[in-house]
Every structure is written in structure tokens, then in C-alpha cells.
Amino acid sequence: MSAKPRTPPSRSPRVRATLRRTLGLAWVVPALVLVGVFVYLPLVQNLQFSTLKWDIYSGSQEYVGLDNYTKLVDDPVFWSSLGNNALYAVVSIVFQVFGALLLAALIEGVRSQRWQRALRAIYFIPSAISLTVAGLLFYFIYEPNLGPLNHALRAVGLGELAQAWLGQESTAMSSIIAMSQWQGFGYSTLLFAVAIQRIPSEIYGAAAIDGVGAVGRFFRITVPLVREMTGLMAIVTLSGAFQVFNEVMVMTAGGPNNSTQVLGTWLYRSGFVRNNFGYAAAIATVLFVITLAVAVAQLWVTRRRRVEW
């Protein structure tokens, strides 16, 4: 009689778990390699470059230790750039987080779904325009002689308010920030609208039956239940506020008299115009530390609130 074929022994749960982990690691390793090569390695190299006095055109490099960071402390343009970024961040939080949440709640409160879709599209359209194009558009709007803004002010009898919006230190930065808020406001509103749509309508119905008004429903239901999206938008908005570059370069290139310099543009000017790449690397390191600290702090606050609630 022929022997019966032997059935392979079943694998133990521990072996199966090990195989699953190994297979999962095999899928993750390529992504980790790419992140390491294109993200973490450049960060380490940038930290190394920040300790050099580096003329990229001649190729000469000289180790200077922390001298570049010492120069940052004594650089008034660096501090004014940091102040402009901080101002940009505060305004962005007000409009693109709290303002966008309020507008999204108002849109979702409209009874007609047709009007809801129309309003979402109207507010989102500016976000579909690239920052470069939006900057050029507002550069024309702010033009002192032919620009529509000054023309409209003169038409309604407010000609004394007409001015060179981008040509004065007192108004240039606020004009850039206004353009940026117009461009990004709709995107934040759309994300908050999606978050509000995920809230069960029964909760609002029960609150209405209990006599809670629209304002009470907003603060007692909407705000707490979209806290995850609020935390995410706060991180994205604050990080983006310290990485501003395109709109400033297109509209003023940091002028007049460096009044609209931000960390990104001062970094660019230090490296590619003044040919001081070690100093530019030091600015980039400070910029990275700021954005990382903002993200970590916001994640910690969000996680703590989640535990408390």
C-alpha cells in the first residue's frame, strides 16, 4: 500500500504573527528609505551646512561653528522677518481656522442643498488659483494708478484712502496677508464643512427640541465635535504661516526696505543673492525648529483635550 501524503504541520500563532510583521515591514521599508534619503538626510546635511561659511560659486568652505547662529541674533532683518511670520500666523489662525469654522457652520445651516453646493463652490474657487497667479492678480489690484482698489475708493468718495499699498512699509505686509487669506479661506471652509457633515443630524435635532438655539448648538455641538479637524487645521495653518514664500516674492520680493521679508524670502536672499549659504542654512534650521515645535505642541494639546473629553 502506498503511503499517505504527509500534511504540513500547522504554523503556530507566534510564527504566523512573525510572518505578518515581516511581510508588513517589507512593504514599509521602501517608503522608509525614500523618506530617509529625501527628508531626514537633507535635514542632517542642512545642520552641517549651517556651521560653514560657504561660497557656492567658488566652492570654498570654512568651518565657523555657531557663528552663523550668532549673526542671526544680531540681524535686525531676521527678527523683523520672524515678526512678519508671527503676524501672518496670528491672522491666519483667526481667519482660516476660527473664521472658516464659523462660515462653514453658516453654510451647512442653509436649508437648500443647492445653495449649500453653490456657496461651497464660490468660496472654494480662490483656493484653486495658484499662489503665484493670485499674487500677480492682487499686484494689479493694488496698483496705485490703474488698480481697481484705488479706483473703487475714488469712485465712492474715499479717494483720501487711495495709496500705494505695496509701496509703503506701513501697508505692504498687511496687503500681502489680506491676499493670502482670500486665497486660502475657502479651502479651510470646505474642510470644516466636511467635518460638520459627519456630525449626526439627530444630535442637532435633539438639541433643538431641548430649546437650544443656533448659537448654543454651534458652541455646544459643532465646536466640540470638530475639534479633530480644528487641531489639524491649526497645525497646517501655523506651519504654512512660517513657510510663506511665493506670495511675498511675487508681490514685493521683501521690499520696500525689507519690511515684508519673511523667513523664507530672507533665507532665499541670503543664499542665492548674498551668496552666504551657511547663513541661509542657519535660517532654515531655525525655521525647521519653529515648525516642528508648533506641530508637537499642537498635537500634545489636541491629544490632551481628547483624553479630557
Protein backbone atom coordinates (compact mmCIF):
# COMPACT_ATOMS: atom_id res chain seq x y z
CA MET A 1 0.00 0.00 0.00
CA SER A 2 1.21 3.45 -0.87
CA ALA A 3 1.94 5.76 1.99
CA LYS A 4 -0.45 8.62 2.52
CA PRO A 5 0.98 12.09 1.73
CA ARG A 6 2.07 13.90 4.82
CA THR A 7 0.22 17.14 5.56
CA PRO A 8 2.46 20.04 6.57
CA PRO A 9 2.24 20.88 10.24
CA SER A 10 0.15 23.93 11.01
CA ARG A 11 2.09 27.02 11.94
CA SER A 12 1.83 28.27 15.47
CA PRO A 13 0.14 31.65 16.10
CA ARG A 14 3.51 33.11 17.07
CA VAL A 15 5.04 32.08 13.73
CA ARG A 16 2.09 33.49 11.80
CA ALA A 17 2.33 36.77 13.69
CA THR A 18 6.06 36.96 12.93
CA LEU A 19 5.43 36.35 9.25
CA ARG A 20 2.76 39.07 9.15
CA ARG A 21 5.11 41.54 10.80
CA THR A 22 7.90 40.62 8.40
CA LEU A 23 5.62 40.99 5.38
CA GLY A 24 4.36 44.35 6.67
CA LEU A 25 7.91 45.53 7.24
CA ALA A 26 8.81 44.52 3.68
CA TRP A 27 6.08 46.85 2.40
CA VAL A 28 7.13 49.72 4.66
CA VAL A 29 10.91 49.59 4.13
CA PRO A 30 10.92 51.19 0.62
CA ALA A 31 8.89 54.15 1.91
CA LEU A 32 11.18 54.49 4.93
CA VAL A 33 14.22 54.51 2.65
CA LEU A 34 12.72 57.25 0.47
CA VAL A 35 11.76 59.35 3.50
CA GLY A 36 15.21 58.89 4.97
CA VAL A 37 17.00 59.86 1.76
CA PHE A 38 14.82 62.80 0.74
CA VAL A 39 13.72 64.16 4.14
CA TYR A 40 15.92 63.24 7.08
CA LEU A 41 19.26 63.15 5.28
CA PRO A 42 18.80 66.70 3.90
CA LEU A 43 17.88 67.87 7.41
CA VAL A 44 21.13 66.49 8.79
CA GLN A 45 23.10 67.95 5.89
CA ASN A 46 21.47 71.35 6.38
CA LEU A 47 22.51 71.31 10.03
CA GLN A 48 26.06 70.56 8.88
CA PHE A 49 25.98 73.35 6.28
CA SER A 50 24.85 75.85 8.92
CA THR A 51 28.25 75.52 10.59
CA LEU A 52 30.08 76.58 7.43
CA LYS A 53 30.97 79.80 5.67
CA TRP A 54 30.20 78.55 2.19
CA ASP A 55 30.67 80.33 -1.12
CA ILE A 56 28.83 78.07 -3.51
CA TYR A 57 30.15 79.79 -6.64
CA SER A 58 33.82 79.36 -5.76
CA GLY A 59 33.23 76.17 -3.78
CA SER A 60 35.21 77.40 -0.78
CA GLN A 61 34.04 76.17 2.62
CA GLU A 62 35.23 77.25 6.03
CA TYR A 63 34.06 75.79 9.33
CA VAL A 64 32.79 78.59 11.58
CA GLY A 65 30.91 76.62 14.23
CA LEU A 66 27.96 78.56 15.64
CA ASP A 67 28.95 81.91 14.13
CA ASN A 68 26.02 81.86 11.71
CA TYR A 69 23.59 81.47 14.60
CA THR A 70 25.32 84.31 16.46
CA LYS A 71 24.83 86.52 13.41
CA LEU A 72 21.13 85.65 13.44
CA VAL A 73 20.77 87.12 16.91
CA ASP A 74 22.32 90.40 15.75
CA ASP A 75 20.46 90.54 12.41
CA PRO A 76 17.55 93.03 12.56
CA VAL A 77 16.12 91.77 9.26
CA PHE A 78 15.92 88.25 10.67
CA TRP A 79 13.91 89.47 13.65
CA SER A 80 11.60 91.59 11.51
CA SER A 81 11.11 88.58 9.22
CA LEU A 82 10.24 86.41 12.20
CA GLY A 83 7.80 89.09 13.36
CA ASN A 84 6.14 89.15 9.95
CA ASN A 85 5.75 85.37 10.08
CA ALA A 86 4.26 85.60 13.57
CA LEU A 87 1.79 88.28 12.41
CA TYR A 88 0.92 86.12 9.42
CA ALA A 89 0.32 83.15 11.75
CA VAL A 90 -1.99 85.08 14.11
CA VAL A 91 -4.11 86.47 11.26
CA SER A 92 -4.25 83.06 9.58
CA ILE A 93 -5.47 81.37 12.77
CA VAL A 94 -8.20 83.97 13.17
CA PHE A 95 -9.46 83.73 9.59
CA GLN A 96 -8.53 80.27 8.32
CA VAL A 97 -9.42 78.36 11.50
CA PHE A 98 -11.99 80.22 13.58
CA GLY A 99 -13.44 82.29 10.73
CA ALA A 100 -13.57 79.31 8.39
CA LEU A 101 -15.30 77.20 11.04
CA LEU A 102 -17.96 79.87 11.58
CA LEU A 103 -18.53 80.28 7.83
CA ALA A 104 -18.76 76.51 7.34
CA ALA A 105 -21.38 76.30 10.09
CA LEU A 106 -23.39 79.07 8.41
CA ILE A 107 -23.21 77.33 5.04
CA GLU A 108 -24.27 73.98 6.48
CA GLY A 109 -27.15 75.74 8.21
CA VAL A 110 -28.66 76.74 4.87
CA ARG A 111 -31.68 74.53 4.23
CA SER A 112 -31.37 74.39 0.45
CA GLN A 113 -28.77 71.83 -0.64
CA ARG A 114 -28.48 73.63 -3.97
CA TRP A 115 -27.45 76.83 -2.22
CA GLN A 116 -25.08 74.89 0.01
CA ARG A 117 -23.28 73.45 -3.01
CA ALA A 118 -23.19 76.85 -4.70
CA LEU A 119 -21.75 78.58 -1.64
CA ARG A 120 -19.11 75.90 -1.17
CA ALA A 121 -18.03 76.30 -4.79
CA ILE A 122 -17.99 80.11 -4.57
CA TYR A 123 -15.76 80.14 -1.51
CA PHE A 124 -13.51 77.35 -2.80
CA ILE A 125 -12.75 78.89 -6.21
CA PRO A 126 -9.96 81.20 -4.92
CA SER A 127 -8.18 78.17 -3.43
CA ALA A 128 -7.99 76.62 -6.89
CA ILE A 129 -5.85 79.55 -8.05
CA SER A 130 -2.12 79.11 -7.54
CA LEU A 131 -0.38 81.47 -5.14
CA THR A 132 1.74 82.89 -7.94
CA VAL A 133 -1.29 83.75 -10.07
CA ALA A 134 -3.15 85.14 -7.05
CA GLY A 135 -0.13 87.27 -6.16
CA LEU A 136 0.04 88.71 -9.67
CA LEU A 137 -3.71 89.34 -9.61
CA PHE A 138 -3.53 91.30 -6.36
CA TYR A 139 -0.39 93.07 -7.52
CA PHE A 140 -2.57 94.55 -10.27
CA ILE A 141 -5.45 95.21 -7.84
CA TYR A 142 -3.13 97.14 -5.51
CA GLU A 143 -1.51 99.13 -8.34
CA PRO A 144 -1.76 102.78 -7.19
CA ASN A 145 -2.71 104.41 -10.50
CA LEU A 146 -4.68 101.87 -12.52
CA GLY A 147 -5.55 99.32 -9.85
CA PRO A 148 -9.26 98.57 -9.21
CA LEU A 149 -8.92 99.07 -5.44
CA ASN A 150 -7.87 102.72 -5.57
CA HIS A 151 -10.25 103.33 -8.46
CA ALA A 152 -13.16 101.96 -6.40
CA LEU A 153 -12.18 104.10 -3.40
CA ARG A 154 -12.14 107.23 -5.53
CA ALA A 155 -15.48 106.29 -7.12
CA VAL A 156 -17.24 106.13 -3.74
CA GLY A 157 -15.70 109.35 -2.44
CA LEU A 158 -12.93 107.78 -0.36
CA GLY A 159 -10.07 108.95 -2.53
CA GLU A 160 -8.08 110.03 0.53
CA LEU A 161 -7.65 106.33 1.38
CA ALA A 162 -6.13 105.52 -2.01
CA GLN A 163 -2.41 104.84 -1.71
CA ALA A 164 0.49 102.72 -2.92
CA TRP A 165 -0.49 99.63 -0.95
CA LEU A 166 2.62 97.62 -1.78
CA GLY A 167 4.98 100.60 -1.92
CA GLN A 168 4.70 101.68 1.72
CA GLU A 169 6.18 99.95 4.72
CA SER A 170 3.05 100.59 6.76
CA THR A 171 0.67 98.79 4.38
CA ALA A 172 2.74 96.36 2.31
CA MET A 173 2.74 93.39 4.71
CA SER A 174 -0.93 93.71 5.61
CA SER A 175 -1.79 93.83 1.91
CA ILE A 176 0.08 90.58 1.29
CA ILE A 177 -1.59 88.91 4.26
CA ALA A 178 -5.01 90.01 3.01
CA MET A 179 -4.36 88.39 -0.36
CA SER A 180 -3.20 85.18 1.26
CA GLN A 181 -6.28 84.94 3.48
CA TRP A 182 -8.52 85.44 0.45
CA GLN A 183 -6.73 82.64 -1.36
CA GLY A 184 -6.76 80.06 1.45
CA PHE A 185 -10.01 80.86 3.27
CA GLY A 186 -12.24 78.74 1.05
CA TYR A 187 -10.13 75.60 1.38
CA SER A 188 -10.31 75.70 5.18
CA THR A 189 -14.04 76.36 5.00
CA LEU A 190 -14.59 73.33 2.77
CA LEU A 191 -12.69 71.04 5.15
CA PHE A 192 -14.70 72.28 8.11
CA ALA A 193 -17.92 71.81 6.12
CA VAL A 194 -16.98 68.16 5.54
CA ALA A 195 -16.29 67.72 9.26
CA ILE A 196 -19.65 69.26 10.18
CA GLN A 197 -21.45 66.97 7.72
CA ARG A 198 -20.11 63.97 9.65
CA ILE A 199 -21.95 65.08 12.80
CA PRO A 200 -25.20 63.07 13.11
CA SER A 201 -28.20 65.29 12.42
CA GLU A 202 -30.04 63.62 15.33
CA ILE A 203 -27.79 65.46 17.76
CA TYR A 204 -28.83 68.83 16.36
CA GLY A 205 -32.46 67.73 16.32
CA ALA A 206 -32.37 66.70 19.97
CA ALA A 207 -30.73 69.99 20.94
CA ALA A 208 -33.38 71.95 19.04
CA ILE A 209 -36.12 70.02 20.86
CA ASP A 210 -34.47 70.93 24.17
CA GLY A 211 -34.69 74.59 23.18
CA VAL A 212 -31.02 75.17 22.34
CA GLY A 213 -30.68 78.00 19.82
CA ALA A 214 -28.42 78.17 16.79
CA VAL A 215 -25.61 79.89 18.70
CA GLY A 216 -25.81 77.34 21.51
CA ARG A 217 -25.75 74.44 19.04
CA PHE A 218 -22.67 75.90 17.41
CA PHE A 219 -20.68 76.20 20.65
CA ARG A 220 -22.05 73.10 22.39
CA ILE A 221 -22.18 70.66 19.47
CA THR A 222 -20.31 71.87 16.40
CA VAL A 223 -17.17 73.22 18.05
CA PRO A 224 -16.54 70.17 20.32
CA LEU A 225 -17.31 67.58 17.62
CA VAL A 226 -14.99 69.11 15.02
CA ARG A 227 -12.06 69.52 17.42
CA GLU A 228 -10.02 66.94 15.46
CA MET A 229 -10.33 68.99 12.28
CA THR A 230 -9.70 72.19 14.23
CA GLY A 231 -6.45 70.78 15.60
CA LEU A 232 -5.36 69.60 12.17
CA MET A 233 -6.15 72.95 10.56
CA ALA A 234 -4.31 74.80 13.33
CA ILE A 235 -1.18 72.72 12.69
CA VAL A 236 -1.39 73.15 8.92
CA THR A 237 -2.12 76.88 9.19
CA LEU A 238 0.66 77.66 11.66
CA SER A 239 3.20 75.58 9.75
CA GLY A 240 2.19 77.24 6.50
CA ALA A 241 2.43 80.68 8.07
CA PHE A 242 6.11 80.12 8.81
CA GLN A 243 6.78 78.75 5.32
CA VAL A 244 5.36 81.69 3.37
CA PHE A 245 7.37 82.41 0.24
CA ASN A 246 5.57 82.65 -3.11
CA GLU A 247 3.18 85.49 -2.39
CA VAL A 248 5.90 87.70 -0.91
CA MET A 249 8.34 87.05 -3.76
CA VAL A 250 5.72 87.76 -6.42
CA MET A 251 4.27 90.90 -4.86
CA THR A 252 7.17 92.71 -3.15
CA ALA A 253 10.25 90.42 -3.10
CA GLY A 254 10.71 91.51 0.51
CA GLY A 255 10.50 95.25 -0.06
CA PRO A 256 10.11 98.08 0.47
CA ASN A 257 13.20 98.38 2.65
CA ASN A 258 12.91 94.73 3.77
CA SER A 259 9.60 95.50 5.50
CA THR A 260 7.89 92.41 4.03
CA GLN A 261 10.73 89.95 4.42
CA VAL A 262 9.71 86.62 5.92
CA LEU A 263 11.99 83.78 6.94
CA GLY A 264 11.60 82.04 3.60
CA THR A 265 12.45 85.07 1.48
CA TRP A 266 15.31 86.15 3.76
CA LEU A 267 16.68 82.62 3.52
CA TYR A 268 16.49 82.80 -0.28
CA ARG A 269 18.08 86.23 -0.41
CA SER A 270 20.87 85.24 1.98
CA GLY A 271 21.74 82.15 -0.04
CA PHE A 272 21.12 82.98 -3.69
CA VAL A 273 21.60 86.75 -3.71
CA ARG A 274 24.19 87.38 -1.00
CA ASN A 275 25.92 84.03 -1.65
CA ASN A 276 26.03 83.12 2.04
CA PHE A 277 24.68 79.58 2.04
CA GLY A 278 25.90 78.76 5.53
CA TYR A 279 23.86 81.64 6.93
CA ALA A 280 20.88 80.58 4.83
CA ALA A 281 21.19 77.06 6.23
CA ALA A 282 21.12 78.50 9.75
CA ILE A 283 17.87 80.32 8.94
CA ALA A 284 16.47 77.08 7.53
CA THR A 285 17.38 75.26 10.75
CA VAL A 286 15.59 77.87 12.86
CA LEU A 287 12.59 77.63 10.56
CA PHE A 288 12.52 73.84 10.93
CA VAL A 289 12.74 74.04 14.73
CA ILE A 290 9.85 76.53 14.86
CA THR A 291 7.53 74.46 12.64
CA LEU A 292 8.43 71.26 14.49
CA ALA A 293 7.76 72.88 17.87
CA VAL A 294 4.41 74.21 16.66
CA ALA A 295 3.36 70.79 15.38
CA VAL A 296 4.45 68.94 18.53
CA ALA A 297 2.76 71.47 20.82
CA GLN A 298 -0.49 71.36 18.87
CA LEU A 299 -0.52 67.55 18.78
CA TRP A 300 0.10 67.45 22.53
CA VAL A 301 -2.74 69.88 23.21
CA THR A 302 -5.10 68.00 20.90
CA ARG A 303 -4.29 64.64 22.49
CA ARG A 304 -4.73 66.05 25.98
CA ARG A 305 -8.12 67.51 25.11
CA ARG A 306 -9.17 64.20 23.57
CA VAL A 307 -8.35 62.40 26.82
CA GLU A 308 -10.15 65.01 28.93
CA TRP A 309 -13.28 64.89 26.75
